[in-house]
Amino acid sequence: MFVTAVSLCLFAAADGESGPPRPGVVFVVGGIGGLDPLNLSAALTLPCAGVPHELRNFNWTHGVGRPFRDLQDLPHLLAKAGELADAVRAVKAAEPDRPVYLLGHSAGAMVSLAAAGQLPPGTLERIVLLAAAVSPEYDLRPALRAARGGIVSFSAVTDWLFLGWGTGQFGTADRVHGPAAGLGGFRPPADLDDEGRSLYDKLVQVAWRPEHLLQFRGGLHHSGCMPVFLGTTVAPWLMP
């Protein structure tokens, strides 16, 4: 991880030509268990890939080594989502023009979506989800209203152990037993009105492809957090 992050840094340093854009804030929201690799990988990789923003890890779990409590305690998750929404409001109150992004992995995607749903329209710049442990039918409209640049969700049909069998047995973060959106994507509601269709037009879904292997994303649950994949494929969605 360290070597690939350093390589990205050297590439970005050689490639940079223009002045730095206005920096914003990226709230990084990892998954269950308190040891998600996204926090470290994002800190090492995203600045090297040219993302100019301040990175803030948002810790919402019950602590290290309590994954099932994190996954199944929906009231706790929603309370933490409220804290994340408050943190976003604090940034915008201090600097209204400062862009704010949410980057969530696994159950951290549910925290991100629930927080965004509490914010006024256009508060966020964009929400990026990696391997979302959220049900495919989850209503994204409140979060899409809050995000000017919409939602980008990365999924992988190869993530069956965690987001197929695992969420079938133990439930998704929004407490639905079955395959998660991070496996096969989100499904828009069937009864969308014109506003709903316009909102869902801002949803970009990126499925796993074999060429992602070249970015060390093997398609397993945590492979979307790998530095090369973050730096080459995820980072552009976090640019101003």
C-alpha atoms as a PDB file:
ATOM      1  CA  MET A   1       0.000   0.000   0.000  1.00  0.00           C
ATOM      2  CA  PHE A   2       2.769   2.450   0.942  1.00  0.00           C
ATOM      3  CA  VAL A   3       4.790   1.777  -2.225  1.00  0.00           C
ATOM      4  CA  THR A   4       1.846   2.291  -4.546  1.00  0.00           C
ATOM      5  CA  ALA A   5       0.837   5.470  -2.717  1.00  0.00           C
ATOM      6  CA  VAL A   6       4.352   6.872  -3.076  1.00  0.00           C
ATOM      7  CA  SER A   7       4.303   6.004  -6.786  1.00  0.00           C
ATOM      8  CA  LEU A   8       1.093   7.961  -7.205  1.00  0.00           C
ATOM      9  CA  CYS A   9       2.651  10.912  -5.379  1.00  0.00           C
ATOM     10  CA  LEU A  10       5.618  10.970  -7.727  1.00  0.00           C
ATOM     11  CA  PHE A  11       3.334  10.743 -10.758  1.00  0.00           C
ATOM     12  CA  ALA A  12       1.132  13.594  -9.519  1.00  0.00           C
ATOM     13  CA  ALA A  13       4.137  15.780  -8.756  1.00  0.00           C
ATOM     14  CA  ALA A  14       5.514  15.278 -12.253  1.00  0.00           C
ATOM     15  CA  ASP A  15       2.150  15.842 -13.908  1.00  0.00           C
ATOM     16  CA  GLY A  16       0.926  18.913 -12.008  1.00  0.00           C
ATOM     17  CA  GLU A  17       0.918  22.132 -14.017  1.00  0.00           C
ATOM     18  CA  SER A  18      -1.870  24.432 -12.843  1.00  0.00           C
ATOM     19  CA  GLY A  19      -2.340  26.140  -9.490  1.00  0.00           C
ATOM     20  CA  PRO A  20      -4.248  24.385  -6.704  1.00  0.00           C
ATOM     21  CA  PRO A  21      -8.055  24.619  -6.845  1.00  0.00           C
ATOM     22  CA  ARG A  22     -10.076  25.760  -3.868  1.00  0.00           C
ATOM     23  CA  PRO A  23      -9.762  23.020  -1.212  1.00  0.00           C
ATOM     24  CA  GLY A  24     -12.837  21.504   0.349  1.00  0.00           C
ATOM     25  CA  VAL A  25     -13.446  18.761   2.903  1.00  0.00           C
ATOM     26  CA  VAL A  26     -13.849  15.029   2.288  1.00  0.00           C
ATOM     27  CA  PHE A  27     -15.434  13.130   5.155  1.00  0.00           C
ATOM     28  CA  VAL A  28     -14.121   9.558   4.973  1.00  0.00           C
ATOM     29  CA  VAL A  29     -16.584   7.069   6.458  1.00  0.00           C
ATOM     30  CA  GLY A  30     -15.287   3.516   6.826  1.00  0.00           C
ATOM     31  CA  GLY A  31     -17.218   0.322   7.412  1.00  0.00           C
ATOM     32  CA  ILE A  32     -17.922  -1.893  10.390  1.00  0.00           C
ATOM     33  CA  GLY A  33     -15.455  -3.183  12.949  1.00  0.00           C
ATOM     34  CA  GLY A  34     -13.390  -0.055  13.499  1.00  0.00           C
ATOM     35  CA  LEU A  35     -10.488  -1.207  11.307  1.00  0.00           C
ATOM     36  CA  ASP A  36     -11.616  -0.338   7.795  1.00  0.00           C
ATOM     37  CA  PRO A  37      -8.648   0.098   5.401  1.00  0.00           C
ATOM     38  CA  LEU A  38     -10.281   3.077   3.678  1.00  0.00           C
ATOM     39  CA  ASN A  39      -9.138   5.576   6.312  1.00  0.00           C
ATOM     40  CA  LEU A  40      -5.420   4.839   5.915  1.00  0.00           C
ATOM     41  CA  SER A  41      -5.590   4.232   2.179  1.00  0.00           C
ATOM     42  CA  ALA A  42      -7.398   7.516   1.529  1.00  0.00           C
ATOM     43  CA  ALA A  43      -4.923   9.460   3.670  1.00  0.00           C
ATOM     44  CA  LEU A  44      -1.953   7.982   1.798  1.00  0.00           C
ATOM     45  CA  THR A  45      -3.396   8.059  -1.693  1.00  0.00           C
ATOM     46  CA  LEU A  46      -5.865  10.859  -2.369  1.00  0.00           C
ATOM     47  CA  PRO A  47      -3.484  13.795  -1.754  1.00  0.00           C
ATOM     48  CA  CYS A  48      -0.917  12.094  -3.986  1.00  0.00           C
ATOM     49  CA  ALA A  49      -3.527  11.657  -6.700  1.00  0.00           C
ATOM     50  CA  GLY A  50      -4.155  15.392  -6.761  1.00  0.00           C
ATOM     51  CA  VAL A  51      -7.231  15.622  -4.536  1.00  0.00           C
ATOM     52  CA  PRO A  52      -6.698  19.030  -2.882  1.00  0.00           C
ATOM     53  CA  HIS A  53      -9.200  18.697  -0.070  1.00  0.00           C
ATOM     54  CA  GLU A  54      -8.796  18.229   3.656  1.00  0.00           C
ATOM     55  CA  LEU A  55      -9.557  14.628   4.655  1.00  0.00           C
ATOM     56  CA  ARG A  56     -11.485  14.034   7.869  1.00  0.00           C
ATOM     57  CA  ASN A  57     -12.075  10.512   9.119  1.00  0.00           C
ATOM     58  CA  PHE A  58     -15.522  10.124  10.647  1.00  0.00           C
ATOM     59  CA  ASN A  59     -15.605   7.345  13.236  1.00  0.00           C
ATOM     60  CA  TRP A  60     -19.107   6.010  13.791  1.00  0.00           C
ATOM     61  CA  THR A  61     -18.545   2.431  14.984  1.00  0.00           C
ATOM     62  CA  HIS A  62     -18.836   0.908  18.463  1.00  0.00           C
ATOM     63  CA  GLY A  63     -15.073   0.396  18.486  1.00  0.00           C
ATOM     64  CA  VAL A  64     -12.549  -2.122  17.237  1.00  0.00           C
ATOM     65  CA  GLY A  65     -13.727  -5.693  16.838  1.00  0.00           C
ATOM     66  CA  ARG A  66     -17.506  -5.233  17.121  1.00  0.00           C
ATOM     67  CA  PRO A  67     -18.654  -5.626  13.509  1.00  0.00           C
ATOM     68  CA  PHE A  68     -22.006  -7.296  14.154  1.00  0.00           C
ATOM     69  CA  ARG A  69     -22.999  -4.665  16.702  1.00  0.00           C
ATOM     70  CA  ASP A  70     -22.118  -1.980  14.148  1.00  0.00           C
ATOM     71  CA  LEU A  71     -24.099  -3.674  11.395  1.00  0.00           C
ATOM     72  CA  GLN A  72     -27.211  -4.436  13.413  1.00  0.00           C
ATOM     73  CA  ASP A  73     -27.551  -1.377  15.658  1.00  0.00           C
ATOM     74  CA  LEU A  74     -29.511   0.878  13.314  1.00  0.00           C
ATOM     75  CA  PRO A  75     -30.440   3.495  15.987  1.00  0.00           C
ATOM     76  CA  HIS A  76     -26.729   3.977  16.754  1.00  0.00           C
ATOM     77  CA  LEU A  77     -25.914   4.265  13.049  1.00  0.00           C
ATOM     78  CA  LEU A  78     -28.625   6.872  12.513  1.00  0.00           C
ATOM     79  CA  ALA A  79     -27.489   8.844  15.554  1.00  0.00           C
ATOM     80  CA  LYS A  80     -23.961   8.908  14.154  1.00  0.00           C
ATOM     81  CA  ALA A  81     -25.347   9.947  10.777  1.00  0.00           C
ATOM     82  CA  GLY A  82     -26.904  12.909  12.561  1.00  0.00           C
ATOM     83  CA  GLU A  83     -23.473  13.789  13.972  1.00  0.00           C
ATOM     84  CA  LEU A  84     -21.974  13.606  10.487  1.00  0.00           C
ATOM     85  CA  ALA A  85     -24.709  15.896   9.174  1.00  0.00           C
ATOM     86  CA  ASP A  86     -23.902  18.322  11.996  1.00  0.00           C
ATOM     87  CA  ALA A  87     -20.209  18.220  11.060  1.00  0.00           C
ATOM     88  CA  VAL A  88     -21.087  19.090   7.461  1.00  0.00           C
ATOM     89  CA  ARG A  89     -23.319  21.945   8.621  1.00  0.00           C
ATOM     90  CA  ALA A  90     -20.460  23.288  10.749  1.00  0.00           C
ATOM     91  CA  VAL A  91     -18.142  23.386   7.722  1.00  0.00           C
ATOM     92  CA  LYS A  92     -20.739  25.167   5.594  1.00  0.00           C
ATOM     93  CA  ALA A  93     -21.608  27.614   8.388  1.00  0.00           C
ATOM     94  CA  ALA A  94     -17.956  28.646   8.711  1.00  0.00           C
ATOM     95  CA  GLU A  95     -17.266  28.723   4.951  1.00  0.00           C
ATOM     96  CA  PRO A  96     -20.445  28.499   2.847  1.00  0.00           C
ATOM     97  CA  ASP A  97     -18.554  28.190  -0.438  1.00  0.00           C
ATOM     98  CA  ARG A  98     -16.299  25.371   0.730  1.00  0.00           C
ATOM     99  CA  PRO A  99     -17.181  22.137  -1.115  1.00  0.00           C
ATOM    100  CA  VAL A 100     -17.909  19.072   1.007  1.00  0.00           C
ATOM    101  CA  TYR A 101     -17.781  15.456  -0.169  1.00  0.00           C
ATOM    102  CA  LEU A 102     -18.727  12.197   1.546  1.00  0.00           C
ATOM    103  CA  LEU A 103     -16.717   9.036   0.818  1.00  0.00           C
ATOM    104  CA  GLY A 104     -18.291   5.946   2.379  1.00  0.00           C
ATOM    105  CA  HIS A 105     -17.314   2.272   2.309  1.00  0.00           C
ATOM    106  CA  SER A 106     -19.578  -0.694   3.105  1.00  0.00           C
ATOM    107  CA  ALA A 107     -21.872   0.211   6.032  1.00  0.00           C
ATOM    108  CA  GLY A 108     -20.205   3.625   6.009  1.00  0.00           C
ATOM    109  CA  ALA A 109     -22.178   4.180   2.809  1.00  0.00           C
ATOM    110  CA  MET A 110     -25.380   3.955   4.862  1.00  0.00           C
ATOM    111  CA  VAL A 111     -24.027   6.487   7.363  1.00  0.00           C
ATOM    112  CA  SER A 112     -23.182   8.807   4.463  1.00  0.00           C
ATOM    113  CA  LEU A 113     -26.586   8.463   2.809  1.00  0.00           C
ATOM    114  CA  ALA A 114     -28.494   8.907   6.059  1.00  0.00           C
ATOM    115  CA  ALA A 115     -26.447  12.015   6.893  1.00  0.00           C
ATOM    116  CA  ALA A 116     -26.969  13.496   3.436  1.00  0.00           C
ATOM    117  CA  GLY A 117     -30.699  12.955   3.745  1.00  0.00           C
ATOM    118  CA  GLN A 118     -30.756  15.369   6.680  1.00  0.00           C
ATOM    119  CA  LEU A 119     -29.084  18.201   4.780  1.00  0.00           C
ATOM    120  CA  PRO A 120     -30.655  20.971   2.683  1.00  0.00           C
ATOM    121  CA  PRO A 121     -30.598  20.630  -1.110  1.00  0.00           C
ATOM    122  CA  GLY A 122     -27.229  21.308  -2.705  1.00  0.00           C
ATOM    123  CA  THR A 123     -25.267  21.240   0.568  1.00  0.00           C
ATOM    124  CA  LEU A 124     -22.812  18.582  -0.632  1.00  0.00           C
ATOM    125  CA  GLU A 125     -20.681  18.511  -3.738  1.00  0.00           C
ATOM    126  CA  ARG A 126     -20.835  14.734  -4.242  1.00  0.00           C
ATOM    127  CA  ILE A 127     -21.247  11.409  -2.431  1.00  0.00           C
ATOM    128  CA  VAL A 128     -18.976   8.516  -3.417  1.00  0.00           C
ATOM    129  CA  LEU A 129     -19.864   5.003  -2.236  1.00  0.00           C
ATOM    130  CA  LEU A 130     -17.617   1.937  -2.290  1.00  0.00           C
ATOM    131  CA  ALA A 131     -19.202  -1.531  -1.876  1.00  0.00           C
ATOM    132  CA  ALA A 132     -22.331  -0.111  -0.269  1.00  0.00           C
ATOM    133  CA  ALA A 133     -23.790  -2.483   2.360  1.00  0.00           C
ATOM    134  CA  VAL A 134     -27.209  -0.946   1.732  1.00  0.00           C
ATOM    135  CA  SER A 135     -30.283  -2.562   0.215  1.00  0.00           C
ATOM    136  CA  PRO A 136     -30.682  -2.019  -3.552  1.00  0.00           C
ATOM    137  CA  GLU A 137     -34.126  -0.457  -3.011  1.00  0.00           C
ATOM    138  CA  TYR A 138     -32.878   2.158  -0.545  1.00  0.00           C
ATOM    139  CA  ASP A 139     -34.476   5.499  -1.437  1.00  0.00           C
ATOM    140  CA  LEU A 140     -31.652   7.743  -2.616  1.00  0.00           C
ATOM    141  CA  ARG A 141     -33.814  10.777  -3.337  1.00  0.00           C
ATOM    142  CA  PRO A 142     -33.089  12.670  -0.068  1.00  0.00           C
ATOM    143  CA  ALA A 143     -29.332  12.148  -0.495  1.00  0.00           C
ATOM    144  CA  LEU A 144     -29.452  13.048  -4.184  1.00  0.00           C
ATOM    145  CA  ARG A 145     -31.203  16.322  -3.345  1.00  0.00           C
ATOM    146  CA  ALA A 146     -28.370  17.183  -0.972  1.00  0.00           C
ATOM    147  CA  ALA A 147     -25.571  16.424  -3.452  1.00  0.00           C
ATOM    148  CA  ARG A 148     -25.137  18.856  -6.350  1.00  0.00           C
ATOM    149  CA  GLY A 149     -22.877  16.437  -8.209  1.00  0.00           C
ATOM    150  CA  GLY A 150     -24.961  13.390  -7.369  1.00  0.00           C
ATOM    151  CA  ILE A 151     -23.924   9.973  -6.086  1.00  0.00           C
ATOM    152  CA  VAL A 152     -21.259   7.702  -7.567  1.00  0.00           C
ATOM    153  CA  SER A 153     -21.577   4.085  -6.421  1.00  0.00           C
ATOM    154  CA  PHE A 154     -18.940   1.416  -7.099  1.00  0.00           C
ATOM    155  CA  SER A 155     -20.190  -2.177  -7.024  1.00  0.00           C
ATOM    156  CA  ALA A 156     -18.793  -5.640  -7.750  1.00  0.00           C
ATOM    157  CA  VAL A 157     -20.711  -8.844  -8.491  1.00  0.00           C
ATOM    158  CA  THR A 158     -17.666 -10.712  -7.157  1.00  0.00           C
ATOM    159  CA  ASP A 159     -18.272  -9.321  -3.640  1.00  0.00           C
ATOM    160  CA  TRP A 160     -20.655 -12.194  -2.923  1.00  0.00           C
ATOM    161  CA  LEU A 161     -19.188 -13.305   0.416  1.00  0.00           C
ATOM    162  CA  PHE A 162     -19.825  -9.984   2.165  1.00  0.00           C
ATOM    163  CA  LEU A 163     -22.605  -8.375   0.138  1.00  0.00           C
ATOM    164  CA  GLY A 164     -24.475 -11.496  -0.986  1.00  0.00           C
ATOM    165  CA  TRP A 165     -24.202 -14.258   1.567  1.00  0.00           C
ATOM    166  CA  GLY A 166     -23.188 -11.963   4.452  1.00  0.00           C
ATOM    167  CA  THR A 167     -25.964  -9.416   4.075  1.00  0.00           C
ATOM    168  CA  GLY A 168     -28.400 -12.255   3.359  1.00  0.00           C
ATOM    169  CA  GLN A 169     -27.552 -13.833   6.699  1.00  0.00           C
ATOM    170  CA  PHE A 170     -26.950 -10.778   8.878  1.00  0.00           C
ATOM    171  CA  GLY A 171     -28.725  -7.987   7.013  1.00  0.00           C
ATOM    172  CA  THR A 172     -27.623  -4.803   5.303  1.00  0.00           C
ATOM    173  CA  ALA A 173     -26.908  -1.648   7.268  1.00  0.00           C
ATOM    174  CA  ASP A 174     -30.512  -0.525   6.694  1.00  0.00           C
ATOM    175  CA  ARG A 175     -31.671  -3.895   8.063  1.00  0.00           C
ATOM    176  CA  VAL A 176     -32.804  -5.692   4.919  1.00  0.00           C
ATOM    177  CA  HIS A 177     -31.802  -9.347   4.504  1.00  0.00           C
ATOM    178  CA  GLY A 178     -30.611  -9.990   0.983  1.00  0.00           C
ATOM    179  CA  PRO A 179     -27.974  -8.920  -1.559  1.00  0.00           C
ATOM    180  CA  ALA A 180     -26.693  -5.363  -1.099  1.00  0.00           C
ATOM    181  CA  ALA A 181     -26.421  -2.530  -3.599  1.00  0.00           C
ATOM    182  CA  GLY A 182     -22.643  -2.894  -3.552  1.00  0.00           C
ATOM    183  CA  LEU A 183     -23.097  -6.267  -5.251  1.00  0.00           C
ATOM    184  CA  GLY A 184     -25.411  -5.489  -8.164  1.00  0.00           C
ATOM    185  CA  GLY A 185     -26.241  -1.795  -7.887  1.00  0.00           C
ATOM    186  CA  PHE A 186     -29.123   0.373  -6.669  1.00  0.00           C
ATOM    187  CA  ARG A 187     -32.581   0.009  -8.213  1.00  0.00           C
ATOM    188  CA  PRO A 188     -34.684   3.161  -8.628  1.00  0.00           C
ATOM    189  CA  PRO A 189     -38.246   2.999  -7.260  1.00  0.00           C
ATOM    190  CA  ALA A 190     -40.852   2.023  -9.832  1.00  0.00           C
ATOM    191  CA  ASP A 191     -43.184   4.926  -9.017  1.00  0.00           C
ATOM    192  CA  LEU A 192     -40.812   7.851  -9.599  1.00  0.00           C
ATOM    193  CA  ASP A 193     -42.362  11.173 -10.520  1.00  0.00           C
ATOM    194  CA  ASP A 194     -40.626  13.742 -12.715  1.00  0.00           C
ATOM    195  CA  GLU A 195     -38.585  15.103  -9.828  1.00  0.00           C
ATOM    196  CA  GLY A 196     -37.566  11.600  -8.779  1.00  0.00           C
ATOM    197  CA  ARG A 197     -36.430  10.699 -12.284  1.00  0.00           C
ATOM    198  CA  SER A 198     -34.440  13.923 -12.452  1.00  0.00           C
ATOM    199  CA  LEU A 199     -32.790  13.097  -9.138  1.00  0.00           C
ATOM    200  CA  TYR A 200     -31.945   9.522 -10.138  1.00  0.00           C
ATOM    201  CA  ASP A 201     -30.329  10.884 -13.294  1.00  0.00           C
ATOM    202  CA  LYS A 202     -27.595  12.084 -10.896  1.00  0.00           C
ATOM    203  CA  LEU A 203     -26.808   8.503  -9.819  1.00  0.00           C
ATOM    204  CA  VAL A 204     -23.708   7.063 -11.509  1.00  0.00           C
ATOM    205  CA  GLN A 205     -23.160   3.342 -10.987  1.00  0.00           C
ATOM    206  CA  VAL A 206     -19.749   1.869 -11.769  1.00  0.00           C
ATOM    207  CA  ALA A 207     -19.654  -1.927 -11.880  1.00  0.00           C
ATOM    208  CA  TRP A 208     -16.501  -3.988 -11.420  1.00  0.00           C
ATOM    209  CA  ARG A 209     -14.708  -4.854 -14.646  1.00  0.00           C
ATOM    210  CA  PRO A 210     -11.772  -7.231 -15.254  1.00  0.00           C
ATOM    211  CA  GLU A 211      -9.499  -4.312 -16.125  1.00  0.00           C
ATOM    212  CA  HIS A 212      -9.825  -3.156 -12.517  1.00  0.00           C
ATOM    213  CA  LEU A 213      -7.442  -6.004 -11.713  1.00  0.00           C
ATOM    214  CA  LEU A 214      -4.699  -3.798 -13.153  1.00  0.00           C
ATOM    215  CA  GLN A 215      -5.541  -1.310 -10.367  1.00  0.00           C
ATOM    216  CA  PHE A 216      -5.308  -4.071  -7.709  1.00  0.00           C
ATOM    217  CA  ARG A 217      -9.082  -4.126  -7.269  1.00  0.00           C
ATOM    218  CA  GLY A 218      -9.770  -7.827  -7.267  1.00  0.00           C
ATOM    219  CA  GLY A 219     -13.493  -7.395  -6.745  1.00  0.00           C
ATOM    220  CA  LEU A 220     -13.543  -8.512  -3.110  1.00  0.00           C
ATOM    221  CA  HIS A 221     -15.102  -6.405  -0.393  1.00  0.00           C
ATOM    222  CA  HIS A 222     -12.124  -4.268   0.592  1.00  0.00           C
ATOM    223  CA  SER A 223     -10.415  -4.157  -2.783  1.00  0.00           C
ATOM    224  CA  GLY A 224     -12.129  -0.872  -3.657  1.00  0.00           C
ATOM    225  CA  CYS A 225     -10.004   0.700  -0.921  1.00  0.00           C
ATOM    226  CA  MET A 226      -6.721  -0.247  -2.598  1.00  0.00           C
ATOM    227  CA  PRO A 227      -4.475   2.773  -3.247  1.00  0.00           C
ATOM    228  CA  VAL A 228      -4.063   2.414  -7.012  1.00  0.00           C
ATOM    229  CA  PHE A 229      -7.815   2.046  -7.538  1.00  0.00           C
ATOM    230  CA  LEU A 230      -8.537   4.975  -5.223  1.00  0.00           C
ATOM    231  CA  GLY A 231      -5.946   7.139  -6.911  1.00  0.00           C
ATOM    232  CA  THR A 232      -6.825   6.394 -10.517  1.00  0.00           C
ATOM    233  CA  THR A 233     -10.569   5.672 -10.534  1.00  0.00           C
ATOM    234  CA  VAL A 234     -12.113   7.134  -7.373  1.00  0.00           C
ATOM    235  CA  ALA A 235     -10.039  10.305  -6.972  1.00  0.00           C
ATOM    236  CA  PRO A 236     -11.367  12.024 -10.148  1.00  0.00           C
ATOM    237  CA  TRP A 237     -14.853  12.006  -8.618  1.00  0.00           C
ATOM    238  CA  LEU A 238     -13.498  13.991  -5.657  1.00  0.00           C
ATOM    239  CA  MET A 239     -11.943  16.752  -7.720  1.00  0.00           C
ATOM    240  CA  PRO A 240     -13.408  20.291  -7.738  1.00  0.00           C
END
